[in-house]
Amino acid sequence: MTLTQLILTAAATAAAAVAQEGSVARIGFDFEVNGKSMPAGKYEVKRQLGKGAMGTVYEGWDPIIQRRVAIKTVNLPDSMDEETEEALARFKREAQAAGRLTHANIVGVFDYGESPGLAYIVMEFIDGVNLRDAMRAGRLTPAEALKIVPQV
């Protein structure tokens, strides 16, 4: 099984466990969701927002600061081969680069963490629709959407 397949399988399992019966999960150290032990910590996971080739993004809650956050996760296999180590290094560089930037069009990065089987970035939550949904709803024409791409 490839790293991507492992990540997608683990992310789907975690998302299903969180979604089932509206359970609250925590990202950081250890917790249980519907009887399954999973990585966790101080952030509460509310719902899955999106899923990509390398991981999953969740809406979360920081109970200490009392704010909504977005939590981008990458699930890691038990054994760290060269491909996995490079994927983790890229993910960490992404957090470091974004965390050094301050701009109105870039979400703020609040935290980065790793625990067995999971790496995550906690960032500012922006409420709204994604570009695909805005286009499907007729809010943007393809030409208008293309004007946004260079800004991203």
Protein backbone atom coordinates (compact mmCIF):
# COMPACT_ATOMS: atom_id res chain seq x y z
CA MET A 1 0.00 0.00 0.00
CA THR A 2 1.36 3.46 -0.91
CA LEU A 3 1.71 6.33 1.57
CA THR A 4 -1.20 8.11 -0.10
CA GLN A 5 -3.41 5.04 0.25
CA LEU A 6 -2.42 4.67 3.91
CA ILE A 7 -3.14 8.33 4.60
CA LEU A 8 -6.51 8.26 2.85
CA THR A 9 -7.54 5.07 4.61
CA ALA A 10 -6.58 6.39 8.05
CA ALA A 11 -8.18 9.79 7.39
CA ALA A 12 -11.42 8.20 6.20
CA THR A 13 -11.55 5.98 9.28
CA ALA A 14 -10.92 8.90 11.62
CA ALA A 15 -13.44 11.14 9.85
CA ALA A 16 -16.09 8.44 9.96
CA ALA A 17 -15.49 7.90 13.67
CA VAL A 18 -15.79 11.63 14.38
CA ALA A 19 -18.82 12.10 12.15
CA GLN A 20 -20.65 9.13 13.60
CA GLU A 21 -23.00 10.27 16.35
CA GLY A 22 -21.43 13.73 16.47
CA SER A 23 -18.54 12.66 18.66
CA VAL A 24 -15.93 15.20 19.71
CA ALA A 25 -12.34 14.23 19.05
CA ARG A 26 -9.20 15.95 20.30
CA ILE A 27 -5.94 16.39 18.37
CA GLY A 28 -2.66 15.99 20.26
CA PHE A 29 -2.04 12.91 22.41
CA ASP A 30 -4.49 10.10 23.25
CA PHE A 31 -8.28 9.96 23.16
CA GLU A 32 -11.13 7.67 22.26
CA VAL A 33 -13.78 8.20 19.60
CA ASN A 34 -16.58 5.67 19.58
CA GLY A 35 -14.35 3.21 21.41
CA LYS A 36 -11.35 3.60 19.08
CA SER A 37 -8.06 4.95 20.39
CA MET A 38 -6.79 7.81 18.23
CA PRO A 39 -4.21 10.65 18.49
CA ALA A 40 -5.60 13.69 20.33
CA GLY A 41 -4.93 16.64 22.66
CA LYS A 42 -6.21 20.13 23.37
CA TYR A 43 -8.11 20.79 20.12
CA GLU A 44 -11.67 19.53 19.71
CA VAL A 45 -12.50 18.26 16.23
CA LYS A 46 -16.03 19.29 15.23
CA ARG A 47 -16.39 18.13 11.61
CA GLN A 48 -14.51 17.31 8.43
CA LEU A 49 -14.21 20.25 6.04
CA GLY A 50 -12.28 18.67 3.19
CA LYS A 51 -10.01 15.90 2.12
CA GLY A 52 -7.07 15.83 -0.24
CA ALA A 53 -4.42 13.45 -1.47
CA MET A 54 -2.21 13.90 1.61
CA GLY A 55 -4.65 14.51 4.43
CA THR A 56 -7.83 15.95 5.86
CA VAL A 57 -8.91 19.37 7.14
CA TYR A 58 -11.30 19.65 10.08
CA GLU A 59 -13.17 22.45 11.77
CA GLY A 60 -11.98 22.49 15.35
CA TRP A 61 -12.23 24.38 18.60
CA ASP A 62 -9.47 25.62 20.87
CA PRO A 63 -11.11 25.43 24.32
CA ILE A 64 -8.32 27.38 26.00
CA ILE A 65 -8.44 30.45 23.77
CA GLN A 66 -12.14 29.90 22.96
CA ARG A 67 -11.89 30.17 19.17
CA ARG A 68 -12.73 28.15 16.07
CA VAL A 69 -9.72 26.76 14.22
CA ALA A 70 -8.99 24.74 11.11
CA ILE A 71 -6.91 21.62 11.71
CA LYS A 72 -5.02 20.20 8.73
CA THR A 73 -3.85 16.66 9.39
CA VAL A 74 -1.56 14.18 7.69
CA ASN A 75 -1.78 10.60 8.91
CA LEU A 76 1.51 8.75 9.06
CA PRO A 77 2.08 5.01 8.82
CA ASP A 78 3.68 3.12 11.71
CA SER A 79 7.01 2.73 9.94
CA MET A 80 8.81 5.82 8.65
CA ASP A 81 10.42 5.09 5.29
CA GLU A 82 12.19 7.70 3.15
CA GLU A 83 8.99 8.69 1.33
CA THR A 84 7.12 9.19 4.61
CA GLU A 85 9.94 11.22 6.14
CA GLU A 86 10.00 13.52 3.09
CA ALA A 87 6.21 13.98 3.21
CA LEU A 88 6.42 14.88 6.90
CA ALA A 89 9.31 17.29 6.25
CA ARG A 90 7.27 19.03 3.48
CA PHE A 91 4.27 19.31 5.78
CA LYS A 92 6.41 20.82 8.55
CA ARG A 93 8.02 23.29 6.10
CA GLU A 94 4.53 24.32 4.99
CA ALA A 95 3.62 25.12 8.61
CA GLN A 96 6.88 26.99 9.20
CA ALA A 97 6.60 29.06 6.01
CA ALA A 98 2.94 29.96 6.54
CA GLY A 99 3.57 30.64 10.23
CA ARG A 100 6.13 33.34 9.38
CA LEU A 101 3.76 35.20 7.08
CA THR A 102 1.29 37.89 8.03
CA HIS A 103 -1.05 39.03 5.28
CA ALA A 104 -4.78 39.67 4.95
CA ASN A 105 -5.09 36.98 2.26
CA ILE A 106 -3.17 34.26 4.13
CA VAL A 107 -4.61 32.34 7.08
CA GLY A 108 -2.65 32.58 10.30
CA VAL A 109 -0.91 29.47 11.62
CA PHE A 110 -1.29 28.94 15.38
CA ASP A 111 0.31 25.57 16.04
CA TYR A 112 2.12 22.55 14.58
CA GLY A 113 2.35 19.18 16.21
CA GLU A 114 3.20 15.53 15.77
CA SER A 115 2.03 12.51 17.65
CA PRO A 116 2.34 8.83 16.78
CA GLY A 117 0.63 8.37 13.44
CA LEU A 118 -0.39 12.00 12.92
CA ALA A 119 1.05 15.42 12.10
CA TYR A 120 -1.14 18.53 12.17
CA ILE A 121 -1.23 22.26 11.55
CA VAL A 122 -3.72 24.39 13.46
CA MET A 123 -4.69 27.58 11.70
CA GLU A 124 -7.18 30.39 11.54
CA PHE A 125 -10.67 29.25 10.60
CA ILE A 126 -12.22 31.20 7.73
CA ASP A 127 -15.96 30.73 7.44
CA GLY A 128 -17.28 30.68 3.90
CA VAL A 129 -17.50 28.56 0.80
CA ASN A 130 -14.68 27.10 -1.22
CA LEU A 131 -14.00 28.13 -4.80
CA ARG A 132 -15.59 25.01 -6.30
CA ASP A 133 -18.83 25.51 -4.34
CA ALA A 134 -18.96 29.23 -5.24
CA MET A 135 -18.63 28.36 -8.94
CA ARG A 136 -21.28 25.63 -8.72
CA ALA A 137 -23.67 28.06 -7.05
CA GLY A 138 -23.13 30.54 -9.88
CA ARG A 139 -21.45 33.12 -7.66
CA LEU A 140 -18.35 33.19 -9.88
CA THR A 141 -17.81 32.65 -13.56
CA PRO A 142 -14.78 30.60 -14.63
CA ALA A 143 -13.11 33.85 -15.74
CA GLU A 144 -13.66 35.41 -12.30
CA ALA A 145 -12.33 32.28 -10.60
CA LEU A 146 -9.18 32.40 -12.72
CA LYS A 147 -8.53 35.97 -11.48
CA ILE A 148 -8.40 34.61 -7.92
CA VAL A 149 -5.88 31.84 -8.63
CA PRO A 150 -2.74 34.08 -8.83
CA GLN A 151 -3.63 35.54 -5.44
CA VAL A 152 -3.63 32.10 -3.89
